[in-house]
Amino acid sequence: MKKGFWVNFIVTSISFYLLSLFFKGISFDSTLSILLTSLIFGLVNALIRPIFVILSLPFIFLTLGFFMFIINGFMLLIVSFVVPGFHVSSFWDAVFASLILSFISVLIKGVFVGKN
């Protein structure tokens, strides 16, 4: 597998772990559930998210991109139904968590991964 996949997987796993520490709307039963969530979240974002983005383009344009957090929150909810041990309290917690998750991921990539 490519290096980029592993970097994204590790960054996403760390981001989910940090998110669960500071945000009570998201919880994990174990480290394995964090890793499985990161893997499934990556697959959902690669396979399902593009369809939602295309169908939601008018809303994305009207909200200047903020509707993407709604889509990402929905992706988190989908993953929470699939992955045992990953719990999301509500839809709005998922949306807020997607905002925080994006921020943490960008921060980690900026500090530790740097430019390729």
Protein backbone atom coordinates (compact mmCIF):
# COMPACT_ATOMS: atom_id res chain seq x y z
CA MET A 1 0.00 0.00 0.00
CA LYS A 2 1.06 3.54 -0.55
CA LYS A 3 2.74 5.69 2.06
CA GLY A 4 -0.04 8.29 1.82
CA PHE A 5 -2.64 5.75 2.91
CA TRP A 6 -0.67 4.87 6.05
CA VAL A 7 0.00 8.52 6.88
CA ASN A 8 -3.71 9.33 6.56
CA PHE A 9 -4.66 6.24 8.56
CA ILE A 10 -2.29 7.14 11.42
CA VAL A 11 -3.31 10.82 11.42
CA THR A 12 -7.00 9.88 11.40
CA SER A 13 -6.51 7.37 14.22
CA ILE A 14 -4.68 9.92 16.37
CA SER A 15 -7.34 12.52 15.54
CA PHE A 16 -10.16 10.19 16.58
CA TYR A 17 -8.34 9.35 19.81
CA LEU A 18 -7.82 13.04 20.68
CA LEU A 19 -11.39 13.84 19.70
CA SER A 20 -12.72 11.18 22.07
CA LEU A 21 -10.64 12.61 24.92
CA PHE A 22 -11.96 16.15 24.63
CA PHE A 23 -15.42 15.75 23.10
CA LYS A 24 -17.99 13.68 24.95
CA GLY A 25 -20.35 13.25 21.97
CA ILE A 26 -17.97 10.66 20.49
CA SER A 27 -16.72 7.58 22.32
CA PHE A 28 -14.81 4.38 21.64
CA ASP A 29 -14.86 1.10 23.55
CA SER A 30 -11.27 0.17 22.72
CA THR A 31 -8.15 1.01 20.75
CA LEU A 32 -9.21 -1.56 18.18
CA SER A 33 -12.48 0.30 17.62
CA ILE A 34 -10.49 3.52 17.00
CA LEU A 35 -8.35 1.76 14.40
CA LEU A 36 -11.34 0.10 12.76
CA THR A 37 -13.23 3.40 12.73
CA SER A 38 -10.27 5.11 11.04
CA LEU A 39 -10.13 2.42 8.37
CA ILE A 40 -13.88 2.37 7.67
CA PHE A 41 -14.07 6.19 7.79
CA GLY A 42 -11.36 6.33 5.11
CA LEU A 43 -13.27 3.87 2.93
CA VAL A 44 -16.57 5.71 3.40
CA ASN A 45 -14.90 9.01 2.54
CA ALA A 46 -13.35 7.50 -0.58
CA LEU A 47 -16.41 5.63 -1.85
CA ILE A 48 -19.62 7.22 -0.54
CA ARG A 49 -18.74 10.83 0.28
CA PRO A 50 -18.09 11.88 -3.36
CA ILE A 51 -21.67 10.91 -4.26
CA PHE A 52 -23.07 13.06 -1.44
CA VAL A 53 -20.81 15.95 -2.41
CA ILE A 54 -21.97 15.89 -6.03
CA LEU A 55 -25.64 15.69 -5.02
CA SER A 56 -25.16 18.52 -2.50
CA LEU A 57 -23.17 20.95 -4.65
CA PRO A 58 -25.88 23.66 -4.63
CA PHE A 59 -26.02 23.59 -0.82
CA ILE A 60 -22.24 23.59 -0.59
CA PHE A 61 -22.06 26.68 -2.80
CA LEU A 62 -24.89 28.45 -0.95
CA THR A 63 -23.27 27.86 2.44
CA LEU A 64 -19.76 28.68 1.20
CA GLY A 65 -18.59 25.15 1.96
CA PHE A 66 -20.01 24.81 5.46
CA PHE A 67 -22.45 22.14 4.26
CA MET A 68 -19.41 19.88 3.93
CA PHE A 69 -19.41 19.55 7.72
CA ILE A 70 -23.01 18.30 7.53
CA ILE A 71 -21.91 15.72 4.95
CA ASN A 72 -18.90 14.73 7.08
CA GLY A 73 -21.14 14.41 10.13
CA PHE A 74 -23.42 12.12 8.16
CA MET A 75 -20.38 10.05 7.16
CA LEU A 76 -19.47 9.72 10.86
CA LEU A 77 -23.00 8.51 11.61
CA ILE A 78 -22.77 5.91 8.84
CA VAL A 79 -19.48 4.67 10.29
CA SER A 80 -20.95 4.55 13.81
CA PHE A 81 -23.68 2.18 12.57
CA VAL A 82 -21.09 -0.10 10.96
CA VAL A 83 -18.26 -0.17 13.52
CA PRO A 84 -18.93 -1.88 16.85
CA GLY A 85 -17.50 0.10 19.74
CA PHE A 86 -17.80 3.51 18.05
CA HIS A 87 -20.59 5.66 19.45
CA VAL A 88 -21.95 9.04 18.34
CA SER A 89 -24.50 10.69 20.65
CA SER A 90 -26.48 12.61 18.02
CA PHE A 91 -26.42 13.98 14.50
CA TRP A 92 -25.32 17.44 15.70
CA ASP A 93 -22.58 15.89 17.80
CA ALA A 94 -21.41 14.15 14.62
CA VAL A 95 -21.41 17.46 12.71
CA PHE A 96 -19.51 19.25 15.48
CA ALA A 97 -17.12 16.29 15.76
CA SER A 98 -16.43 16.47 12.01
CA LEU A 99 -15.44 20.11 12.44
CA ILE A 100 -13.10 19.30 15.32
CA LEU A 101 -11.76 16.19 13.54
CA SER A 102 -10.88 18.27 10.47
CA PHE A 103 -9.09 20.84 12.62
CA ILE A 104 -7.10 18.21 14.54
CA SER A 105 -6.13 16.36 11.34
CA VAL A 106 -4.92 19.54 9.63
CA LEU A 107 -2.97 20.49 12.75
CA ILE A 108 -1.29 17.08 13.04
CA LYS A 109 -0.45 16.96 9.33
CA GLY A 110 0.92 20.50 9.44
CA VAL A 111 3.12 19.88 12.46
CA PHE A 112 4.31 16.31 11.95
CA VAL A 113 3.90 15.41 8.29
CA GLY A 114 4.93 18.71 6.71
CA LYS A 115 5.27 19.21 2.99
CA ASN A 116 6.00 16.31 0.66
